[in-house]
Amino acid sequence: MYKILIVDDSEVFVKMIKVIIENNFDANVIIATSGRMAISKLSEKPDLIIMDIVMPGMDGFQTTQKIRKNPEYEEIPIIFLTGNDPKKEFIEKGINKEQVLSIGLNGSEIRSKAEIFKEEILNLGGVKTASNSNAIPGGSSKSIMVFEFDSQPEIQPMVTVINIDTSYLETLGIELLSGRNFSYDYSTDTANFIVNEKLVREVGLGPNPVGKNITQQGVPGVIPDINGVIIGVIKDYHFSSLHEQIEPLALNLNKSSNRTVVKMYKDDIQKTREQIKSIWEKYSPRPFDAEFIDLTFDANYNSEVKLGKIFIYFTLIAIFIACLGLYGLASFSAEQRVKEIGIRKVLGSKVNQIVLMLSKEYMILIIVSTILGWIGAYIIIEKWLVLFPYKINILSYSWIFISASIIASIIALLTISLRSVKTANSNPVDALRYE
C-alpha cells in the first residue's frame, strides 16, 4: 500500500480528498495542513509528497528545503501544486471590484441613518468613494419587476431593478455609454431609470434610447407604478455569477438601501476597514457585516475551484502509480530479453541503440492512450461547459491537449528509459551467463 502525504492549508478539503483516494486506490493518505506539520509527518515514511506551494507560515519551497536536509527523506519524490487560483484571476466584465467593501445595513437603526453613515465614511482618508444601494454585484439580493415602454407597448420584459444613489456608478467603475448619471438636482430623477445594453437590445429601443418613456409596473394596492424616462445607458456587466447570462437591468434613484459599498485606496486597507467598523459601532449594536466584493464573486465559483483541485490530486496520483507500473513493465521486458541484449552488445550495439529498441515498443501504446485521452477529455469538458452561458471554443485551445500529450509521453519515456539504461549498461558477459 502506497503512503501519500498531502500538504494543503484547507483541512476540510484535504479530508475530503483523503476519503475519495482511500476508497478508490490502494493508498493511505497522510494529511498535513502546514509545512511544520508535514515535517512531523515524515516519520510515517510516505512514498510520495504532494504539496501546495502557497501556504501560511512556511511555504512549499521552505518546507522542501528542510525535508531535503535530512538524508533519510531526501529521496522522497515531491510534487508541487502551482499556479494562481482561477477565480482570483478572473475579472468580472464591466465593473471594478478591487478594494471595494460591501457593508450589510442590518437593522432599522442603521438603515435609518444610512446617509449619515456614508457621509462619515467618506471623511476617512483611506476612502475614495462610497455608495448606498439595495444590491451588489455577485450577491443574491435583487428585485425583478415588469416594465412597459411607449415605443414598444407589446413587449413587457421582466427586468432586474437595483435602487442606487448618485455615486453607485463611480464606486463600482460602471461605464456610462450614453446619457447622464442620476442627480439630486433633478427632482424627477427618482422616477427615471438608467438601463443596461441588454435591456435596450431585448426591447428594441434603437440606437438612441435616452429620453424614451419607461414604466415600472407596480403591485395594485402595494407598490405604485413608476412612470419616467430613460436618462442613461450603461455598459453590460455581470451582476450575478457567470453561471447566468447578463439579464436586462434598470437602475433607479432611491435612498431606500440595505448595503453601503465603499471603494478604498490600496494603502492600508485593513486600517481603513477598522475605522469603518468604529463608525458602524456608533450607529448600530449589531455585528459588523462586511465583505469585499471580490470575495463575494469568488464564492460563486467555489465548486469549480474544489473540482479543479480534486482533478489535480487525482492526476498526480494517477501519474505516480502509472510510472511505477511502467517501470515494472519495463523491468519485466528487460529481464525477458537479457540474453538478446547481451548478444547485441557483443556485436557492437551502443547503449542508446539498445535503449531505443527497448523503448519503441511502448510508443504505440503511448500514442493510442493519448488519442483516447484526447477524446475522453474533449467529451467531459464539452459537457461541463454546457453549464455556462459564456464559454470558450475548446478547439481554439488544442495546444493544451498537445502540450499535455507531450508531457505525458516524456514522463512515460523517462520512466521506461531509467530501467532500459540500467539494462543496456550491464556487462554482456553476465547477460550471456543468464540462466
Protein backbone atom coordinates (compact mmCIF):
# COMPACT_ATOMS: atom_id res chain seq x y z
CA MET A 1 0.00 0.00 0.00
CA TYR A 2 1.34 3.39 -1.04
CA LYS A 3 1.60 6.20 1.50
CA ILE A 4 0.84 9.66 0.13
CA LEU A 5 1.43 12.81 2.19
CA ILE A 6 -0.81 15.69 1.04
CA VAL A 7 0.14 19.14 2.35
CA ASP A 8 -2.56 21.82 1.92
CA ASP A 9 -3.83 24.50 4.31
CA SER A 10 -7.50 23.66 3.59
CA GLU A 11 -8.17 20.93 6.17
CA VAL A 12 -11.79 20.24 5.17
CA PHE A 13 -10.86 19.89 1.51
CA VAL A 14 -7.89 17.60 2.19
CA LYS A 15 -10.02 15.33 4.38
CA MET A 16 -12.48 15.00 1.53
CA ILE A 17 -9.62 14.09 -0.84
CA LYS A 18 -8.37 11.51 1.68
CA VAL A 19 -11.74 9.72 1.72
CA ILE A 20 -12.02 9.70 -2.08
CA ILE A 21 -8.47 8.41 -2.63
CA GLU A 22 -8.57 5.71 0.04
CA ASN A 23 -11.92 4.44 -1.26
CA ASN A 24 -10.67 4.19 -4.85
CA PHE A 25 -6.95 3.43 -4.63
CA ASP A 26 -4.72 1.06 -2.70
CA ALA A 27 -3.23 4.01 -0.86
CA ASN A 28 -3.04 5.52 2.61
CA VAL A 29 -3.31 9.32 2.70
CA ILE A 30 -1.49 11.28 5.39
CA ILE A 31 -2.76 14.82 5.97
CA ALA A 32 -0.71 17.89 6.86
CA THR A 33 -2.19 21.41 6.89
CA SER A 34 1.11 23.28 7.24
CA GLY A 35 4.79 22.93 6.43
CA ARG A 36 5.72 22.24 10.05
CA MET A 37 3.08 19.54 10.34
CA ALA A 38 4.37 17.98 7.09
CA ILE A 39 7.87 17.66 8.59
CA SER A 40 6.45 15.98 11.69
CA LYS A 41 4.54 13.50 9.48
CA LEU A 42 7.72 12.33 7.72
CA SER A 43 8.21 9.74 10.46
CA GLU A 44 5.38 7.78 8.79
CA LYS A 45 7.68 7.39 5.72
CA PRO A 46 5.44 8.44 2.82
CA ASP A 47 6.20 7.20 -0.72
CA LEU A 48 5.06 10.49 -2.30
CA ILE A 49 4.50 14.09 -1.14
CA ILE A 50 2.01 16.40 -2.88
CA MET A 51 2.41 19.95 -1.61
CA ASP A 52 0.76 23.32 -2.23
CA ILE A 53 3.46 25.95 -2.77
CA VAL A 54 1.40 28.78 -1.22
CA MET A 55 0.71 28.17 2.47
CA PRO A 56 0.62 30.43 5.51
CA GLY A 57 3.79 30.45 7.60
CA MET A 58 6.32 28.16 5.93
CA ASP A 59 5.59 27.76 2.21
CA GLY A 60 6.21 24.73 -0.02
CA PHE A 61 9.76 25.67 -1.01
CA GLN A 62 10.87 26.30 2.57
CA THR A 63 9.32 23.01 3.68
CA THR A 64 11.12 21.16 0.88
CA GLN A 65 14.47 22.63 1.89
CA LYS A 66 14.00 21.38 5.46
CA ILE A 67 12.98 17.93 4.21
CA ARG A 68 15.99 17.65 1.91
CA LYS A 69 18.39 18.48 4.76
CA ASN A 70 17.56 15.10 6.30
CA PRO A 71 19.33 12.31 4.33
CA GLU A 72 16.65 9.85 5.42
CA TYR A 73 13.96 11.70 3.46
CA GLU A 74 15.89 13.28 0.56
CA GLU A 75 14.82 10.56 -1.91
CA ILE A 76 11.06 11.02 -1.38
CA PRO A 77 9.54 12.47 -4.59
CA ILE A 78 7.78 15.83 -4.05
CA ILE A 79 5.19 17.27 -6.43
CA PHE A 80 4.22 20.94 -6.13
CA LEU A 81 0.79 22.41 -6.83
CA THR A 82 1.47 25.75 -8.52
CA GLY A 83 -0.48 28.49 -10.23
CA ASN A 84 -2.98 31.06 -9.09
CA ASP A 85 -6.50 30.30 -8.05
CA PRO A 86 -8.55 30.67 -11.28
CA LYS A 87 -11.39 32.51 -9.57
CA LYS A 88 -8.90 35.16 -8.36
CA GLU A 89 -7.54 35.67 -11.87
CA PHE A 90 -11.00 36.34 -13.33
CA ILE A 91 -12.01 39.97 -13.78
CA GLU A 92 -15.77 40.47 -13.92
CA LYS A 93 -16.85 42.20 -17.09
CA GLY A 94 -17.85 45.82 -16.75
CA ILE A 95 -17.04 46.57 -13.10
CA ASN A 96 -14.02 47.30 -10.94
CA LYS A 97 -14.33 45.17 -7.81
CA GLU A 98 -10.84 45.65 -6.35
CA GLN A 99 -10.66 47.24 -2.86
CA VAL A 100 -14.46 47.51 -2.73
CA LEU A 101 -16.01 46.69 0.65
CA SER A 102 -19.71 45.81 0.90
CA ILE A 103 -21.37 46.50 4.27
CA GLY A 104 -24.75 44.99 5.13
CA LEU A 105 -27.04 47.56 6.77
CA ASN A 106 -28.75 45.08 9.07
CA GLY A 107 -31.33 46.61 11.38
CA SER A 108 -33.62 49.63 11.27
CA GLU A 109 -31.28 51.74 13.45
CA ILE A 110 -28.50 51.76 10.84
CA ARG A 111 -30.78 51.86 7.78
CA SER A 112 -32.49 55.00 9.03
CA LYS A 113 -29.06 56.65 9.23
CA ALA A 114 -27.59 55.17 6.05
CA GLU A 115 -26.82 58.58 4.51
CA ILE A 116 -25.14 59.88 7.69
CA PHE A 117 -23.16 56.64 7.95
CA LYS A 118 -21.99 57.00 4.34
CA GLU A 119 -21.01 60.65 4.78
CA GLU A 120 -18.85 59.83 7.83
CA ILE A 121 -17.14 57.04 5.87
CA LEU A 122 -16.36 59.50 3.06
CA ASN A 123 -14.44 61.66 5.55
CA LEU A 124 -11.88 58.88 6.10
CA GLY A 125 -8.55 59.39 4.35
CA GLY A 126 -8.44 55.80 3.05
CA VAL A 127 -11.85 56.02 1.32
CA LYS A 128 -12.11 57.04 -2.32
CA THR A 129 -15.90 56.87 -2.85
CA ALA A 130 -18.94 55.29 -1.19
CA SER A 131 -22.49 54.48 -2.24
CA ASN A 132 -25.75 53.14 -0.81
CA SER A 133 -27.85 50.57 -2.71
CA ASN A 134 -30.11 47.59 -2.17
CA ALA A 135 -27.94 45.07 -4.06
CA ILE A 136 -24.34 44.45 -5.03
CA PRO A 137 -22.77 42.59 -7.98
CA GLY A 138 -22.26 38.94 -7.16
CA GLY A 139 -24.90 38.96 -4.41
CA SER A 140 -28.21 37.13 -4.47
CA SER A 141 -30.43 40.02 -3.29
CA LYS A 142 -32.28 41.66 -6.19
CA SER A 143 -35.79 42.70 -7.26
CA ILE A 144 -37.44 41.73 -10.55
CA MET A 145 -40.25 43.87 -11.95
CA VAL A 146 -42.29 44.10 -15.17
CA PHE A 147 -41.64 47.12 -17.40
CA GLU A 148 -43.57 48.82 -20.21
CA PHE A 149 -42.28 51.08 -22.99
CA ASP A 150 -44.35 53.54 -25.01
CA SER A 151 -42.27 52.82 -28.11
CA GLN A 152 -42.80 49.04 -27.78
CA PRO A 153 -46.15 48.53 -25.94
CA GLU A 154 -46.40 44.86 -26.92
CA ILE A 155 -43.13 44.00 -25.11
CA GLN A 156 -43.25 43.77 -21.30
CA PRO A 157 -39.95 42.24 -20.13
CA MET A 158 -39.04 41.08 -16.63
CA VAL A 159 -36.21 43.37 -15.50
CA THR A 160 -33.87 43.28 -12.51
CA VAL A 161 -34.16 46.57 -10.59
CA ILE A 162 -31.46 47.93 -8.27
CA ASN A 163 -32.02 51.01 -6.11
CA ILE A 164 -28.90 53.18 -6.06
CA ASP A 165 -27.66 56.67 -5.22
CA THR A 166 -25.71 59.11 -7.37
CA SER A 167 -22.26 57.67 -6.59
CA TYR A 168 -23.01 54.00 -7.36
CA LEU A 169 -21.59 54.02 -10.92
CA GLU A 170 -18.39 55.75 -9.83
CA THR A 171 -17.85 53.45 -6.83
CA LEU A 172 -18.07 50.27 -8.93
CA GLY A 173 -16.47 51.73 -12.05
CA ILE A 174 -19.51 51.05 -14.24
CA GLU A 175 -19.20 52.72 -17.64
CA LEU A 176 -21.95 55.12 -18.70
CA LEU A 177 -22.23 54.78 -22.51
CA SER A 178 -24.78 57.50 -23.19
CA GLY A 179 -26.98 59.96 -21.35
CA ARG A 180 -26.19 61.10 -17.84
CA ASN A 181 -25.95 59.86 -14.25
CA PHE A 182 -28.60 60.49 -11.60
CA SER A 183 -28.53 63.87 -9.86
CA TYR A 184 -30.32 65.19 -6.79
CA ASP A 185 -30.58 68.50 -8.65
CA TYR A 186 -33.40 66.95 -10.69
CA SER A 187 -36.40 66.10 -8.51
CA THR A 188 -37.86 63.93 -11.29
CA ASP A 189 -34.86 61.58 -11.28
CA THR A 190 -36.48 59.39 -8.62
CA ALA A 191 -38.90 58.27 -11.36
CA ASN A 192 -36.26 57.92 -14.07
CA PHE A 193 -34.08 54.95 -14.95
CA ILE A 194 -30.62 54.07 -16.19
CA VAL A 195 -30.73 50.80 -18.18
CA ASN A 196 -28.11 48.39 -19.49
CA GLU A 197 -27.34 47.45 -23.10
CA LYS A 198 -29.12 44.09 -22.78
CA LEU A 199 -32.45 45.77 -21.99
CA VAL A 200 -32.03 48.16 -24.93
CA ARG A 201 -31.37 45.24 -27.29
CA GLU A 202 -34.11 42.99 -25.90
CA VAL A 203 -36.84 45.62 -26.15
CA GLY A 204 -35.54 47.07 -29.40
CA LEU A 205 -35.22 50.67 -28.23
CA GLY A 206 -32.91 51.57 -31.11
CA PRO A 207 -29.59 53.44 -31.14
CA ASN A 208 -30.95 56.42 -29.12
CA PRO A 209 -32.94 55.09 -26.14
CA VAL A 210 -32.22 58.10 -23.92
CA GLY A 211 -35.35 60.20 -23.40
CA LYS A 212 -37.83 57.42 -24.18
CA ASN A 213 -40.70 56.79 -21.76
CA ILE A 214 -40.46 53.82 -19.40
CA THR A 215 -42.89 52.46 -16.79
CA GLN A 216 -42.18 50.10 -13.93
CA GLN A 217 -45.39 48.22 -13.19
CA GLY A 218 -46.23 48.11 -9.50
CA VAL A 219 -48.43 45.84 -7.42
CA PRO A 220 -52.02 47.15 -7.05
CA GLY A 221 -52.58 48.48 -3.55
CA VAL A 222 -48.98 47.80 -2.51
CA ILE A 223 -46.41 49.30 -4.92
CA PRO A 224 -47.43 52.16 -7.25
CA ASP A 225 -46.36 52.33 -10.90
CA ILE A 226 -43.28 54.44 -11.62
CA ASN A 227 -43.56 56.48 -14.82
CA GLY A 228 -40.37 58.12 -16.05
CA VAL A 229 -37.82 58.25 -18.85
CA ILE A 230 -34.53 56.59 -19.65
CA ILE A 231 -31.78 59.08 -18.78
CA GLY A 232 -28.74 56.87 -19.42
CA VAL A 233 -27.41 53.58 -20.77
CA ILE A 234 -24.63 51.65 -19.01
CA LYS A 235 -22.30 49.01 -20.35
CA ASP A 236 -23.39 45.43 -19.65
CA TYR A 237 -21.81 43.93 -16.54
CA HIS A 238 -22.24 40.70 -14.59
CA PHE A 239 -24.34 41.47 -11.51
CA SER A 240 -24.70 37.70 -11.00
CA SER A 241 -22.19 34.88 -11.49
CA LEU A 242 -21.00 33.60 -14.87
CA HIS A 243 -23.35 30.65 -14.43
CA GLU A 244 -26.08 33.04 -15.59
CA GLN A 245 -26.46 35.23 -18.65
CA ILE A 246 -26.40 39.01 -18.35
CA GLU A 247 -30.05 39.94 -17.83
CA PRO A 248 -31.95 43.20 -18.51
CA LEU A 249 -31.18 45.69 -15.75
CA ALA A 250 -32.68 49.01 -14.64
CA LEU A 251 -31.17 51.31 -12.02
CA ASN A 252 -33.45 53.62 -10.04
CA LEU A 253 -32.54 56.56 -7.81
CA ASN A 254 -33.86 55.57 -4.39
CA LYS A 255 -32.41 56.18 -0.93
CA SER A 256 -34.04 53.03 0.40
CA SER A 257 -30.97 50.82 0.76
CA ASN A 258 -29.65 47.83 2.69
CA ARG A 259 -25.98 47.98 1.71
CA THR A 260 -23.17 50.52 1.71
CA VAL A 261 -20.41 49.97 -0.84
CA VAL A 262 -17.04 51.56 -0.15
CA LYS A 263 -14.18 51.98 -2.64
CA MET A 264 -10.87 52.22 -0.76
CA TYR A 265 -7.36 53.23 -1.69
CA LYS A 266 -4.78 50.45 -1.81
CA ASP A 267 -2.74 51.81 1.08
CA ASP A 268 -3.55 50.23 4.45
CA ILE A 269 -6.91 48.67 3.57
CA GLN A 270 -7.14 46.86 6.90
CA LYS A 271 -6.73 50.08 8.87
CA THR A 272 -9.49 51.76 6.83
CA ARG A 273 -11.76 48.76 7.41
CA GLU A 274 -11.25 49.05 11.17
CA GLN A 275 -12.06 52.78 11.03
CA ILE A 276 -15.30 52.00 9.17
CA LYS A 277 -16.13 49.40 11.81
CA SER A 278 -15.65 52.03 14.53
CA ILE A 279 -18.15 54.32 12.76
CA TRP A 280 -20.56 51.40 12.46
CA GLU A 281 -20.44 50.78 16.20
CA LYS A 282 -21.62 54.37 16.80
CA TYR A 283 -24.89 53.70 14.99
CA SER A 284 -25.62 50.00 15.44
CA PRO A 285 -25.30 47.42 18.24
CA ARG A 286 -25.39 44.62 15.69
CA PRO A 287 -22.27 42.73 14.43
CA PHE A 288 -20.33 44.45 11.66
CA ASP A 289 -21.29 42.57 8.47
CA ALA A 290 -18.75 43.47 5.79
CA GLU A 291 -17.11 41.58 2.94
CA PHE A 292 -15.02 42.59 -0.05
CA ILE A 293 -16.95 42.25 -3.30
CA ASP A 294 -14.23 40.18 -4.98
CA LEU A 295 -14.73 37.56 -2.23
CA THR A 296 -18.49 37.66 -2.87
CA PHE A 297 -17.82 36.88 -6.52
CA ASP A 298 -15.29 34.20 -5.57
CA ALA A 299 -17.94 32.36 -3.55
CA ASN A 300 -19.89 31.81 -6.79
CA TYR A 301 -17.06 29.66 -8.14
CA ASN A 302 -16.02 27.66 -5.07
CA SER A 303 -17.40 24.42 -6.51
CA GLU A 304 -15.31 24.85 -9.69
CA VAL A 305 -12.17 25.57 -7.66
CA LYS A 306 -12.69 22.47 -5.49
CA LEU A 307 -13.36 20.36 -8.59
CA GLY A 308 -10.13 21.65 -10.13
CA LYS A 309 -8.14 20.71 -7.03
CA ILE A 310 -9.68 17.23 -6.99
CA PHE A 311 -8.65 16.69 -10.63
CA ILE A 312 -5.11 17.88 -9.87
CA TYR A 313 -4.71 15.48 -6.93
CA PHE A 314 -6.12 12.53 -8.85
CA THR A 315 -3.96 13.34 -11.89
CA LEU A 316 -0.77 13.46 -9.82
CA ILE A 317 -1.60 10.20 -8.03
CA ALA A 318 -2.52 8.51 -11.33
CA ILE A 319 0.78 9.64 -12.90
CA PHE A 320 2.74 8.34 -9.90
CA ILE A 321 1.03 4.93 -9.97
CA ALA A 322 1.31 4.74 -13.78
CA CYS A 323 5.06 5.44 -13.58
CA LEU A 324 5.50 2.64 -11.06
CA GLY A 325 3.57 0.29 -13.36
CA LEU A 326 5.59 1.33 -16.41
CA TYR A 327 8.84 0.85 -14.53
CA GLY A 328 7.76 -2.65 -13.50
CA LEU A 329 6.68 -3.49 -17.05
CA ALA A 330 9.98 -2.22 -18.46
CA SER A 331 11.90 -4.28 -15.88
CA PHE A 332 9.96 -7.42 -16.80
CA SER A 333 10.52 -6.82 -20.53
CA ALA A 334 14.25 -6.25 -19.99
CA GLU A 335 14.58 -9.45 -17.95
CA GLN A 336 12.90 -11.41 -20.74
CA ARG A 337 15.39 -10.08 -23.32
CA VAL A 338 18.55 -10.09 -21.22
CA LYS A 339 20.40 -12.57 -23.48
CA GLU A 340 19.36 -10.72 -26.64
CA ILE A 341 20.72 -7.50 -25.16
CA GLY A 342 23.99 -9.22 -24.24
CA ILE A 343 24.46 -10.56 -27.78
CA ARG A 344 23.67 -7.19 -29.30
CA LYS A 345 26.28 -5.52 -27.08
CA VAL A 346 28.89 -8.10 -28.03
CA LEU A 347 28.11 -7.46 -31.69
CA GLY A 348 28.73 -3.75 -31.20
CA SER A 349 25.34 -2.19 -30.37
CA LYS A 350 25.62 1.07 -28.45
CA VAL A 351 23.74 1.91 -25.28
CA ASN A 352 21.46 4.46 -26.99
CA GLN A 353 20.53 1.90 -29.66
CA ILE A 354 19.53 -0.66 -27.04
CA VAL A 355 17.56 1.93 -25.07
CA LEU A 356 15.72 2.94 -28.25
CA MET A 357 14.98 -0.70 -29.04
CA LEU A 358 13.52 -1.32 -25.59
CA SER A 359 11.52 1.90 -25.60
CA LYS A 360 10.00 1.99 -29.09
CA GLU A 361 7.62 -0.90 -28.41
CA TYR A 362 5.88 1.30 -25.87
CA MET A 363 5.43 4.20 -28.29
CA ILE A 364 2.37 2.64 -29.93
CA LEU A 365 0.74 2.19 -26.52
CA ILE A 366 1.54 5.81 -25.63
CA ILE A 367 0.08 7.12 -28.92
CA VAL A 368 -3.11 5.06 -28.56
CA SER A 369 -3.61 6.13 -24.93
CA THR A 370 -3.01 9.77 -25.92
CA ILE A 371 -5.71 9.67 -28.60
CA LEU A 372 -8.16 8.02 -26.19
CA GLY A 373 -7.29 10.67 -23.60
CA TRP A 374 -8.00 13.46 -26.10
CA ILE A 375 -11.43 12.06 -26.94
CA GLY A 376 -12.37 11.49 -23.29
CA ALA A 377 -11.17 14.94 -22.17
CA TYR A 378 -12.98 16.68 -25.05
CA ILE A 379 -16.30 14.98 -24.26
CA ILE A 380 -16.06 15.67 -20.50
CA ILE A 381 -15.09 19.35 -20.95
CA GLU A 382 -17.83 19.93 -23.53
CA LYS A 383 -20.45 18.52 -21.14
CA TRP A 384 -19.11 20.66 -18.27
CA LEU A 385 -19.09 23.87 -20.35
CA VAL A 386 -22.80 23.43 -21.08
CA LEU A 387 -23.35 24.75 -17.53
CA PHE A 388 -22.02 28.17 -18.57
CA PRO A 389 -23.76 30.59 -20.96
CA TYR A 390 -20.38 32.18 -21.79
CA LYS A 391 -17.77 29.59 -22.76
CA ILE A 392 -14.63 29.05 -24.81
CA ASN A 393 -14.27 27.05 -28.00
CA ILE A 394 -12.21 24.03 -26.91
CA LEU A 395 -10.70 23.59 -30.38
CA SER A 396 -9.14 27.05 -30.03
CA TYR A 397 -7.13 25.63 -27.12
CA SER A 398 -5.94 22.46 -28.86
CA TRP A 399 -2.38 23.39 -27.84
CA ILE A 400 -3.29 22.37 -24.27
CA PHE A 401 -4.12 18.83 -25.45
CA ILE A 402 -0.91 18.68 -27.48
CA SER A 403 1.21 20.00 -24.58
CA ALA A 404 -0.37 17.55 -22.14
CA SER A 405 0.32 14.68 -24.54
CA ILE A 406 3.94 15.70 -24.99
CA ILE A 407 4.47 15.99 -21.23
CA ALA A 408 2.77 12.62 -20.61
CA SER A 409 4.92 10.99 -23.32
CA ILE A 410 8.12 12.45 -21.87
CA ILE A 411 7.22 11.21 -18.38
CA ALA A 412 6.43 7.73 -19.74
CA LEU A 413 9.62 7.52 -21.82
CA LEU A 414 11.80 8.78 -18.96
CA THR A 415 10.31 6.13 -16.65
CA ILE A 416 10.96 3.40 -19.23
CA SER A 417 14.43 4.74 -20.01
CA LEU A 418 15.50 4.58 -16.35
CA ARG A 419 15.22 0.78 -16.46
CA SER A 420 16.37 0.47 -20.08
CA VAL A 421 19.60 2.42 -19.46
CA LYS A 422 20.42 0.24 -16.47
CA THR A 423 19.94 -2.92 -18.56
CA ALA A 424 21.86 -1.53 -21.53
CA ASN A 425 24.86 -0.66 -19.32
CA SER A 426 25.05 -4.13 -17.80
CA ASN A 427 28.05 -6.39 -18.51
CA PRO A 428 27.28 -8.52 -21.63
CA VAL A 429 29.22 -11.44 -20.12
CA ASP A 430 26.79 -11.52 -17.18
CA ALA A 431 23.88 -11.34 -19.62
CA LEU A 432 25.14 -14.32 -21.66
CA ARG A 433 25.56 -16.34 -18.48
CA TYR A 434 21.96 -15.62 -17.57
CA GLU A 435 20.25 -18.91 -16.81
